[in-house]
Each structure stands twice: as C-alpha cells, then as structure tokens.
PDB file of N, CA and C in Angstrom:
ATOM      1  N   UNK A   1     -68.278  14.814-137.710  1.00  0.00           N
ATOM      2  CA  UNK A   1     -67.297  14.531-136.686  1.00  0.00           C
ATOM      3  C   UNK A   1     -66.952  13.041-136.743  1.00  0.00           C
ATOM      4  N   UNK A   2     -65.663  12.766-136.781  1.00  0.00           N
ATOM      5  CA  UNK A   2     -65.192  11.382-136.863  1.00  0.00           C
ATOM      6  C   UNK A   2     -65.244  10.733-135.480  1.00  0.00           C
ATOM      7  N   UNK A   3     -65.586   9.471-135.469  1.00  0.00           N
ATOM      8  CA  UNK A   3     -65.573   8.735-134.204  1.00  0.00           C
ATOM      9  C   UNK A   3     -64.442   7.719-134.262  1.00  0.00           C
ATOM     10  N   UNK A   4     -63.894   7.441-133.127  1.00  0.00           N
ATOM     11  CA  UNK A   4     -62.826   6.445-133.061  1.00  0.00           C
ATOM     12  C   UNK A   4     -63.319   5.253-132.277  1.00  0.00           C
ATOM     13  N   UNK A   5     -62.876   4.100-132.687  1.00  0.00           N
ATOM     14  CA  UNK A   5     -63.236   2.861-132.010  1.00  0.00           C
ATOM     15  C   UNK A   5     -62.139   2.539-131.001  1.00  0.00           C
ATOM     16  N   UNK A   6     -62.472   2.563-129.734  1.00  0.00           N
ATOM     17  CA  UNK A   6     -61.471   2.307-128.699  1.00  0.00           C
ATOM     18  C   UNK A   6     -61.316   0.824-128.394  1.00  0.00           C
ATOM     19  N   UNK A   7     -62.184  -0.003-128.977  1.00  0.00           N
ATOM     20  CA  UNK A   7     -62.075  -1.448-128.755  1.00  0.00           C
ATOM     21  C   UNK A   7     -60.987  -2.026-129.641  1.00  0.00           C
ATOM     22  N   UNK A   8     -59.987  -2.608-129.017  1.00  0.00           N
ATOM     23  CA  UNK A   8     -58.922  -3.259-129.776  1.00  0.00           C
ATOM     24  C   UNK A   8     -59.469  -4.537-130.391  1.00  0.00           C
ATOM     25  N   UNK A   9     -58.914  -4.942-131.530  1.00  0.00           N
ATOM     26  CA  UNK A   9     -59.378  -6.202-132.123  1.00  0.00           C
ATOM     27  C   UNK A   9     -59.154  -7.358-131.146  1.00  0.00           C
ATOM     28  N   UNK A  10     -60.101  -8.243-131.093  1.00  0.00           N
ATOM     29  CA  UNK A  10     -60.006  -9.398-130.205  1.00  0.00           C
ATOM     30  C   UNK A  10     -59.259 -10.529-130.902  1.00  0.00           C
ATOM     31  N   UNK A  11     -58.441 -11.215-130.144  1.00  0.00           N
ATOM     32  CA  UNK A  11     -57.716 -12.376-130.659  1.00  0.00           C
ATOM     33  C   UNK A  11     -58.529 -13.604-130.282  1.00  0.00           C
ATOM     34  N   UNK A  12     -58.717 -14.481-131.229  1.00  0.00           N
ATOM     35  CA  UNK A  12     -59.429 -15.725-130.941  1.00  0.00           C
ATOM     36  C   UNK A  12     -58.413 -16.813-130.625  1.00  0.00           C
ATOM     37  N   UNK A  13     -58.488 -17.323-129.401  1.00  0.00           N
ATOM     38  CA  UNK A  13     -57.570 -18.362-128.941  1.00  0.00           C
ATOM     39  C   UNK A  13     -58.223 -19.723-129.087  1.00  0.00           C
ATOM     40  N   UNK A  14     -57.463 -20.779-129.265  1.00  0.00           N
ATOM     41  CA  UNK A  14     -56.019 -20.819-129.518  1.00  0.00           C
ATOM     42  C   UNK A  14     -55.704 -20.372-130.945  1.00  0.00           C
ATOM     43  N   UNK A  15     -54.484 -19.866-131.123  1.00  0.00           N
ATOM     44  CA  UNK A  15     -54.054 -19.407-132.440  1.00  0.00           C
ATOM     45  C   UNK A  15     -52.529 -19.379-132.510  1.00  0.00           C
ATOM     46  N   UNK A  16     -52.017 -19.367-133.737  1.00  0.00           N
ATOM     47  CA  UNK A  16     -50.592 -19.154-133.939  1.00  0.00           C
ATOM     48  C   UNK A  16     -50.351 -17.678-133.656  1.00  0.00           C
ATOM     49  N   UNK A  17     -49.332 -17.368-132.869  1.00  0.00           N
ATOM     50  CA  UNK A  17     -49.111 -15.997-132.420  1.00  0.00           C
ATOM     51  C   UNK A  17     -47.636 -15.644-132.577  1.00  0.00           C
ATOM     52  N   UNK A  18     -47.321 -14.639-133.385  1.00  0.00           N
ATOM     53  CA  UNK A  18     -45.917 -14.261-133.560  1.00  0.00           C
ATOM     54  C   UNK A  18     -45.422 -13.430-132.377  1.00  0.00           C
ATOM     55  N   UNK A  19     -44.232 -13.722-131.914  1.00  0.00           N
ATOM     56  CA  UNK A  19     -43.616 -12.887-130.880  1.00  0.00           C
ATOM     57  C   UNK A  19     -42.206 -12.521-131.308  1.00  0.00           C
ATOM     58  N   UNK A  20     -41.754 -11.396-130.802  1.00  0.00           N
ATOM     59  CA  UNK A  20     -40.394 -10.920-131.064  1.00  0.00           C
ATOM     60  C   UNK A  20     -39.800 -10.562-129.704  1.00  0.00           C
ATOM     61  N   UNK A  21     -38.619 -11.093-129.438  1.00  0.00           N
ATOM     62  CA  UNK A  21     -37.939 -10.849-128.168  1.00  0.00           C
ATOM     63  C   UNK A  21     -36.615 -10.166-128.487  1.00  0.00           C
ATOM     64  N   UNK A  22     -36.402  -9.002-127.905  1.00  0.00           N
ATOM     65  CA  UNK A  22     -35.169  -8.246-128.123  1.00  0.00           C
ATOM     66  C   UNK A  22     -34.433  -8.183-126.795  1.00  0.00           C
ATOM     67  N   UNK A  23     -33.134  -8.531-126.861  1.00  0.00           N
ATOM     68  CA  UNK A  23     -32.371  -8.519-125.620  1.00  0.00           C
ATOM     69  C   UNK A  23     -30.893  -8.384-125.856  1.00  0.00           C
ATOM     70  N   UNK A  24     -30.170  -8.336-124.756  1.00  0.00           N
ATOM     71  CA  UNK A  24     -28.722  -8.193-124.802  1.00  0.00           C
ATOM     72  C   UNK A  24     -28.094  -9.463-125.360  1.00  0.00           C
ATOM     73  N   UNK A  25     -27.322  -9.297-126.419  1.00  0.00           N
ATOM     74  CA  UNK A  25     -26.637 -10.439-127.022  1.00  0.00           C
ATOM     75  C   UNK A  25     -25.610 -10.972-126.029  1.00  0.00           C
ATOM     76  N   UNK A  26     -25.353 -12.218-126.120  1.00  0.00           N
ATOM     77  CA  UNK A  26     -24.372 -12.829-125.246  1.00  0.00           C
ATOM     78  C   UNK A  26     -24.590 -14.316-125.204  1.00  0.00           C
ATOM     79  N   UNK A  27     -23.636 -14.974-124.619  1.00  0.00           N
ATOM     80  CA  UNK A  27     -23.688 -16.425-124.545  1.00  0.00           C
ATOM     81  C   UNK A  27     -24.960 -16.900-123.853  1.00  0.00           C
ATOM     82  N   UNK A  28     -25.640 -17.825-124.491  1.00  0.00           N
ATOM     83  CA  UNK A  28     -26.805 -18.455-123.892  1.00  0.00           C
ATOM     84  C   UNK A  28     -28.117 -17.710-124.036  1.00  0.00           C
ATOM     85  N   UNK A  29     -28.126 -16.545-124.678  1.00  0.00           N
ATOM     86  CA  UNK A  29     -29.368 -15.766-124.767  1.00  0.00           C
ATOM     87  C   UNK A  29     -30.453 -16.505-125.543  1.00  0.00           C
ATOM     88  N   UNK A  30     -30.099 -17.059-126.688  1.00  0.00           N
ATOM     89  CA  UNK A  30     -31.088 -17.762-127.515  1.00  0.00           C
ATOM     90  C   UNK A  30     -31.640 -18.971-126.757  1.00  0.00           C
ATOM     91  N   UNK A  31     -30.779 -19.736-126.120  1.00  0.00           N
ATOM     92  CA  UNK A  31     -31.215 -20.917-125.361  1.00  0.00           C
ATOM     93  C   UNK A  31     -32.100 -20.510-124.185  1.00  0.00           C
ATOM     94  N   UNK A  32     -31.748 -19.428-123.511  1.00  0.00           N
ATOM     95  CA  UNK A  32     -32.537 -18.932-122.388  1.00  0.00           C
ATOM     96  C   UNK A  32     -33.956 -18.595-122.834  1.00  0.00           C
ATOM     97  N   UNK A  33     -34.063 -17.834-123.915  1.00  0.00           N
ATOM     98  CA  UNK A  33     -35.370 -17.437-124.422  1.00  0.00           C
ATOM     99  C   UNK A  33     -36.148 -18.669-124.889  1.00  0.00           C
ATOM    100  N   UNK A  34     -35.494 -19.559-125.621  1.00  0.00           N
ATOM    101  CA  UNK A  34     -36.158 -20.768-126.130  1.00  0.00           C
ATOM    102  C   UNK A  34     -36.690 -21.628-124.979  1.00  0.00           C
ATOM    103  N   UNK A  35     -35.916 -21.772-123.901  1.00  0.00           N
ATOM    104  CA  UNK A  35     -36.350 -22.565-122.744  1.00  0.00           C
ATOM    105  C   UNK A  35     -37.594 -21.961-122.087  1.00  0.00           C
ATOM    106  N   UNK A  36     -37.604 -20.636-121.929  1.00  0.00           N
ATOM    107  CA  UNK A  36     -38.744 -19.962-121.304  1.00  0.00           C
ATOM    108  C   UNK A  36     -39.982 -20.084-122.192  1.00  0.00           C
ATOM    109  N   UNK A  37     -39.803 -19.839-123.484  1.00  0.00           N
ATOM    110  CA  UNK A  37     -40.934 -19.944-124.409  1.00  0.00           C
ATOM    111  C   UNK A  37     -41.478 -21.366-124.411  1.00  0.00           C
ATOM    112  N   UNK A  38     -40.605 -22.351-124.416  1.00  0.00           N
ATOM    113  CA  UNK A  38     -41.022 -23.762-124.428  1.00  0.00           C
ATOM    114  C   UNK A  38     -41.845 -24.113-123.187  1.00  0.00           C
ATOM    115  N   UNK A  39     -41.503 -23.514-122.027  1.00  0.00           N
ATOM    116  CA  UNK A  39     -42.267 -23.768-120.793  1.00  0.00           C
ATOM    117  C   UNK A  39     -43.705 -23.266-120.916  1.00  0.00           C
ATOM    118  N   UNK A  40     -43.868 -22.133-121.578  1.00  0.00           N
ATOM    119  CA  UNK A  40     -45.183 -21.512-121.679  1.00  0.00           C
ATOM    120  C   UNK A  40     -45.959 -21.943-122.921  1.00  0.00           C
ATOM    121  N   UNK A  41     -45.237 -22.332-123.965  1.00  0.00           N
ATOM    122  CA  UNK A  41     -45.871 -22.725-125.232  1.00  0.00           C
ATOM    123  C   UNK A  41     -45.129 -23.936-125.788  1.00  0.00           C
ATOM    124  N   UNK A  42     -45.383 -25.114-125.239  1.00  0.00           N
ATOM    125  CA  UNK A  42     -44.676 -26.314-125.674  1.00  0.00           C
ATOM    126  C   UNK A  42     -44.810 -26.545-127.187  1.00  0.00           C
ATOM    127  N   UNK A  43     -43.724 -27.073-127.745  1.00  0.00           N
ATOM    128  CA  UNK A  43     -43.744 -27.388-129.165  1.00  0.00           C
ATOM    129  C   UNK A  43     -42.943 -26.426-130.023  1.00  0.00           C
ATOM    130  N   UNK A  44     -42.254 -25.478-129.394  1.00  0.00           N
ATOM    131  CA  UNK A  44     -41.433 -24.536-130.155  1.00  0.00           C
ATOM    132  C   UNK A  44     -40.292 -25.288-130.830  1.00  0.00           C
ATOM    133  N   UNK A  45     -40.111 -25.043-132.112  1.00  0.00           N
ATOM    134  CA  UNK A  45     -38.997 -25.623-132.855  1.00  0.00           C
ATOM    135  C   UNK A  45     -37.847 -24.609-132.830  1.00  0.00           C
ATOM    136  N   UNK A  46     -36.771 -24.882-132.079  1.00  0.00           N
ATOM    137  CA  UNK A  46     -35.658 -23.924-132.003  1.00  0.00           C
ATOM    138  C   UNK A  46     -35.080 -23.572-133.374  1.00  0.00           C
ATOM    139  N   UNK A  47     -35.177 -24.484-134.328  1.00  0.00           N
ATOM    140  CA  UNK A  47     -34.669 -24.211-135.678  1.00  0.00           C
ATOM    141  C   UNK A  47     -35.530 -23.173-136.406  1.00  0.00           C
ATOM    142  N   UNK A  48     -36.742 -22.950-135.925  1.00  0.00           N
ATOM    143  CA  UNK A  48     -37.650 -22.004-136.571  1.00  0.00           C
ATOM    144  C   UNK A  48     -37.523 -20.584-135.991  1.00  0.00           C
ATOM    145  N   UNK A  49     -36.603 -20.378-135.062  1.00  0.00           N
ATOM    146  CA  UNK A  49     -36.401 -19.042-134.494  1.00  0.00           C
ATOM    147  C   UNK A  49     -35.548 -18.228-135.461  1.00  0.00           C
ATOM    148  N   UNK A  50     -36.071 -17.075-135.870  1.00  0.00           N
ATOM    149  CA  UNK A  50     -35.342 -16.162-136.750  1.00  0.00           C
ATOM    150  C   UNK A  50     -34.504 -15.244-135.854  1.00  0.00           C
ATOM    151  N   UNK A  51     -33.190 -15.335-135.986  1.00  0.00           N
ATOM    152  CA  UNK A  51     -32.275 -14.583-135.123  1.00  0.00           C
ATOM    153  C   UNK A  51     -31.602 -13.491-135.941  1.00  0.00           C
ATOM    154  N   UNK A  52     -31.706 -12.269-135.448  1.00  0.00           N
ATOM    155  CA  UNK A  52     -31.052 -11.135-136.116  1.00  0.00           C
ATOM    156  C   UNK A  52     -30.240 -10.352-135.098  1.00  0.00           C
ATOM    157  N   UNK A  53     -29.060  -9.979-135.516  1.00  0.00           N
ATOM    158  CA  UNK A  53     -28.151  -9.224-134.662  1.00  0.00           C
ATOM    159  C   UNK A  53     -28.271  -7.745-135.007  1.00  0.00           C
ATOM    160  N   UNK A  54     -28.162  -6.892-133.999  1.00  0.00           N
ATOM    161  CA  UNK A  54     -28.176  -5.451-134.258  1.00  0.00           C
ATOM    162  C   UNK A  54     -26.907  -5.054-134.991  1.00  0.00           C
ATOM    163  N   UNK A  55     -26.911  -3.860-135.545  1.00  0.00           N
ATOM    164  CA  UNK A  55     -25.782  -3.378-136.331  1.00  0.00           C
ATOM    165  C   UNK A  55     -24.458  -3.452-135.573  1.00  0.00           C
ATOM    166  N   UNK A  56     -24.494  -3.085-134.290  1.00  0.00           N
ATOM    167  CA  UNK A  56     -23.265  -3.088-133.494  1.00  0.00           C
ATOM    168  C   UNK A  56     -23.043  -4.395-132.735  1.00  0.00           C
ATOM    169  N   UNK A  57     -23.976  -5.352-132.879  1.00  0.00           N
ATOM    170  CA  UNK A  57     -23.812  -6.646-132.232  1.00  0.00           C
ATOM    171  C   UNK A  57     -24.173  -6.672-130.765  1.00  0.00           C
ATOM    172  N   UNK A  58     -24.694  -5.587-130.253  1.00  0.00           N
ATOM    173  CA  UNK A  58     -25.011  -5.499-128.828  1.00  0.00           C
ATOM    174  C   UNK A  58     -26.322  -6.211-128.475  1.00  0.00           C
ATOM    175  N   UNK A  59     -27.260  -6.232-129.423  1.00  0.00           N
ATOM    176  CA  UNK A  59     -28.576  -6.818-129.174  1.00  0.00           C
ATOM    177  C   UNK A  59     -28.886  -7.920-130.172  1.00  0.00           C
ATOM    178  N   UNK A  60     -29.781  -8.829-129.749  1.00  0.00           N
ATOM    179  CA  UNK A  60     -30.319  -9.852-130.639  1.00  0.00           C
ATOM    180  C   UNK A  60     -31.830  -9.696-130.674  1.00  0.00           C
ATOM    181  N   UNK A  61     -32.393  -9.935-131.851  1.00  0.00           N
ATOM    182  CA  UNK A  61     -33.832  -9.957-132.031  1.00  0.00           C
ATOM    183  C   UNK A  61     -34.203 -11.378-132.420  1.00  0.00           C
ATOM    184  N   UNK A  62     -35.095 -11.991-131.651  1.00  0.00           N
ATOM    185  CA  UNK A  62     -35.539 -13.354-131.920  1.00  0.00           C
ATOM    186  C   UNK A  62     -37.017 -13.309-132.290  1.00  0.00           C
ATOM    187  N   UNK A  63     -37.334 -13.836-133.469  1.00  0.00           N
ATOM    188  CA  UNK A  63     -38.730 -13.898-133.911  1.00  0.00           C
ATOM    189  C   UNK A  63     -39.145 -15.355-134.000  1.00  0.00           C
ATOM    190  N   UNK A  64     -40.367 -15.632-133.511  1.00  0.00           N
ATOM    191  CA  UNK A  64     -40.874 -16.999-133.542  1.00  0.00           C
ATOM    192  C   UNK A  64     -42.392 -16.957-133.470  1.00  0.00           C
ATOM    193  N   UNK A  65     -43.011 -18.075-133.776  1.00  0.00           N
ATOM    194  CA  UNK A  65     -44.454 -18.216-133.618  1.00  0.00           C
ATOM    195  C   UNK A  65     -44.721 -19.269-132.557  1.00  0.00           C
ATOM    196  N   UNK A  66     -45.683 -18.968-131.705  1.00  0.00           N
ATOM    197  CA  UNK A  66     -46.081 -19.926-130.673  1.00  0.00           C
ATOM    198  C   UNK A  66     -47.560 -20.253-130.849  1.00  0.00           C
ATOM    199  N   UNK A  67     -48.000 -21.285-130.180  1.00  0.00           N
ATOM    200  CA  UNK A  67     -49.429 -21.583-130.111  1.00  0.00           C
ATOM    201  C   UNK A  67     -49.938 -20.913-128.840  1.00  0.00           C
ATOM    202  N   UNK A  68     -50.655 -19.813-129.034  1.00  0.00           N
ATOM    203  CA  UNK A  68     -51.175 -19.049-127.899  1.00  0.00           C
ATOM    204  C   UNK A  68     -52.516 -19.622-127.462  1.00  0.00           C
ATOM    205  N   UNK A  69     -52.661 -19.819-126.167  1.00  0.00           N
ATOM    206  CA  UNK A  69     -53.884 -20.412-125.629  1.00  0.00           C
ATOM    207  C   UNK A  69     -54.770 -19.384-124.917  1.00  0.00           C
ATOM    208  N   UNK A  70     -54.217 -18.216-124.602  1.00  0.00           N
ATOM    209  CA  UNK A  70     -55.013 -17.193-123.934  1.00  0.00           C
ATOM    210  C   UNK A  70     -54.152 -16.055-123.426  1.00  0.00           C
ATOM    211  N   UNK A  71     -54.785 -14.964-123.020  1.00  0.00           N
ATOM    212  CA  UNK A  71     -54.029 -13.800-122.544  1.00  0.00           C
ATOM    213  C   UNK A  71     -53.192 -14.089-121.300  1.00  0.00           C
ATOM    214  N   UNK A  72     -53.670 -14.998-120.443  1.00  0.00           N
ATOM    215  CA  UNK A  72     -52.901 -15.324-119.231  1.00  0.00           C
ATOM    216  C   UNK A  72     -51.561 -15.944-119.605  1.00  0.00           C
ATOM    217  N   UNK A  73     -51.559 -16.827-120.596  1.00  0.00           N
ATOM    218  CA  UNK A  73     -50.323 -17.454-121.058  1.00  0.00           C
ATOM    219  C   UNK A  73     -49.352 -16.392-121.583  1.00  0.00           C
ATOM    220  N   UNK A  74     -49.858 -15.471-122.401  1.00  0.00           N
ATOM    221  CA  UNK A  74     -48.997 -14.437-122.981  1.00  0.00           C
ATOM    222  C   UNK A  74     -48.439 -13.517-121.905  1.00  0.00           C
ATOM    223  N   UNK A  75     -49.248 -13.173-120.916  1.00  0.00           N
ATOM    224  CA  UNK A  75     -48.785 -12.318-119.819  1.00  0.00           C
ATOM    225  C   UNK A  75     -47.711 -13.016-118.989  1.00  0.00           C
ATOM    226  N   UNK A  76     -47.907 -14.293-118.697  1.00  0.00           N
ATOM    227  CA  UNK A  76     -46.926 -15.050-117.913  1.00  0.00           C
ATOM    228  C   UNK A  76     -45.620 -15.198-118.685  1.00  0.00           C
ATOM    229  N   UNK A  77     -45.709 -15.449-119.972  1.00  0.00           N
ATOM    230  CA  UNK A  77     -44.520 -15.561-120.815  1.00  0.00           C
ATOM    231  C   UNK A  77     -43.758 -14.244-120.816  1.00  0.00           C
ATOM    232  N   UNK A  78     -44.456 -13.150-121.034  1.00  0.00           N
ATOM    233  CA  UNK A  78     -43.830 -11.832-121.043  1.00  0.00           C
ATOM    234  C   UNK A  78     -43.150 -11.537-119.700  1.00  0.00           C
ATOM    235  N   UNK A  79     -43.835 -11.825-118.610  1.00  0.00           N
ATOM    236  CA  UNK A  79     -43.280 -11.551-117.273  1.00  0.00           C
ATOM    237  C   UNK A  79     -42.010 -12.353-117.024  1.00  0.00           C
ATOM    238  N   UNK A  80     -42.011 -13.637-117.389  1.00  0.00           N
ATOM    239  CA  UNK A  80     -40.825 -14.459-117.139  1.00  0.00           C
ATOM    240  C   UNK A  80     -39.653 -14.022-118.024  1.00  0.00           C
ATOM    241  N   UNK A  81     -39.946 -13.660-119.266  1.00  0.00           N
ATOM    242  CA  UNK A  81     -38.871 -13.186-120.149  1.00  0.00           C
ATOM    243  C   UNK A  81     -38.250 -11.903-119.596  1.00  0.00           C
ATOM    244  N   UNK A  82     -39.089 -10.954-119.174  1.00  0.00           N
ATOM    245  CA  UNK A  82     -38.583  -9.683-118.645  1.00  0.00           C
ATOM    246  C   UNK A  82     -37.815  -9.878-117.336  1.00  0.00           C
ATOM    247  N   UNK A  83     -38.219 -10.869-116.542  1.00  0.00           N
ATOM    248  CA  UNK A  83     -37.584 -11.118-115.242  1.00  0.00           C
ATOM    249  C   UNK A  83     -36.144 -11.618-115.380  1.00  0.00           C
ATOM    250  N   UNK A  84     -35.741 -12.057-116.569  1.00  0.00           N
ATOM    251  CA  UNK A  84     -34.365 -12.535-116.758  1.00  0.00           C
ATOM    252  C   UNK A  84     -33.347 -11.424-116.623  1.00  0.00           C
ATOM    253  N   UNK A  85     -33.766 -10.182-116.858  1.00  0.00           N
ATOM    254  CA  UNK A  85     -32.832  -9.065-116.842  1.00  0.00           C
ATOM    255  C   UNK A  85     -32.075  -8.914-118.152  1.00  0.00           C
ATOM    256  N   UNK A  86     -32.201  -9.875-119.050  1.00  0.00           N
ATOM    257  CA  UNK A  86     -31.500  -9.812-120.336  1.00  0.00           C
ATOM    258  C   UNK A  86     -32.422  -9.407-121.474  1.00  0.00           C
ATOM    259  N   UNK A  87     -33.718  -9.462-121.241  1.00  0.00           N
ATOM    260  CA  UNK A  87     -34.702  -9.125-122.273  1.00  0.00           C
ATOM    261  C   UNK A  87     -35.087  -7.656-122.123  1.00  0.00           C
ATOM    262  N   UNK A  88     -34.948  -6.907-123.202  1.00  0.00           N
ATOM    263  CA  UNK A  88     -35.286  -5.488-123.188  1.00  0.00           C
ATOM    264  C   UNK A  88     -36.740  -5.242-123.578  1.00  0.00           C
ATOM    265  N   UNK A  89     -37.241  -6.055-124.547  1.00  0.00           N
ATOM    266  CA  UNK A  89     -38.564  -5.830-125.082  1.00  0.00           C
ATOM    267  C   UNK A  89     -39.171  -7.127-125.588  1.00  0.00           C
ATOM    268  N   UNK A  90     -40.469  -7.277-125.412  1.00  0.00           N
ATOM    269  CA  UNK A  90     -41.213  -8.406-125.977  1.00  0.00           C
ATOM    270  C   UNK A  90     -42.371  -7.804-126.756  1.00  0.00           C
ATOM    271  N   UNK A  91     -42.418  -8.133-128.034  1.00  0.00           N
ATOM    272  CA  UNK A  91     -43.482  -7.608-128.900  1.00  0.00           C
ATOM    273  C   UNK A  91     -44.313  -8.729-129.431  1.00  0.00           C
TER     274      UNK A  91
END
C-alpha cells in the first residue's frame, strides 16, 4: 500500500521567490502591481517584470521575483493585490 506525504515542502526564508500576477489589462495595471509589490518587497526592479498579454488582450500576466522574508509577507502581498479588484490570480 502506497503512502502519501501530506507535508508540503517547507520554504526557507529569506529567499528569492517567483510570483505571477494575472489581472485585467488596462491603463496603469503594471504600475499598480509594481507599487504594491514594492511596498511588501522593496527592491523590485520594474524592468525585470516579464509582461505577457493574453491572446485577446483582455488580461496581463506579470512575472517577477521578490525577496520573500516569510509567509506573513506573502499573505499580505496577496491580500493587497486581490483587494485592488483588478487582480484575478496570484501564483
């Protein structure tokens, strides 16, 4: 009988942490996300954000790496991004 490990791998903080933010494309979306990320993870280089548009242009996907300091930081960042109403998903 196979056993499964229910313990998720632990992240050792601080570390470089990739995030992906998907949201409604439109004026100011990239700047909005960059400002929020910068508040929670200072030192983000806006030039290092990988921006991809969906096929129909309705959504933008922003990929970046931050310096993660702990789960509380990641939770607060996720909550503030979602609270904008323009962010659909944070991965």
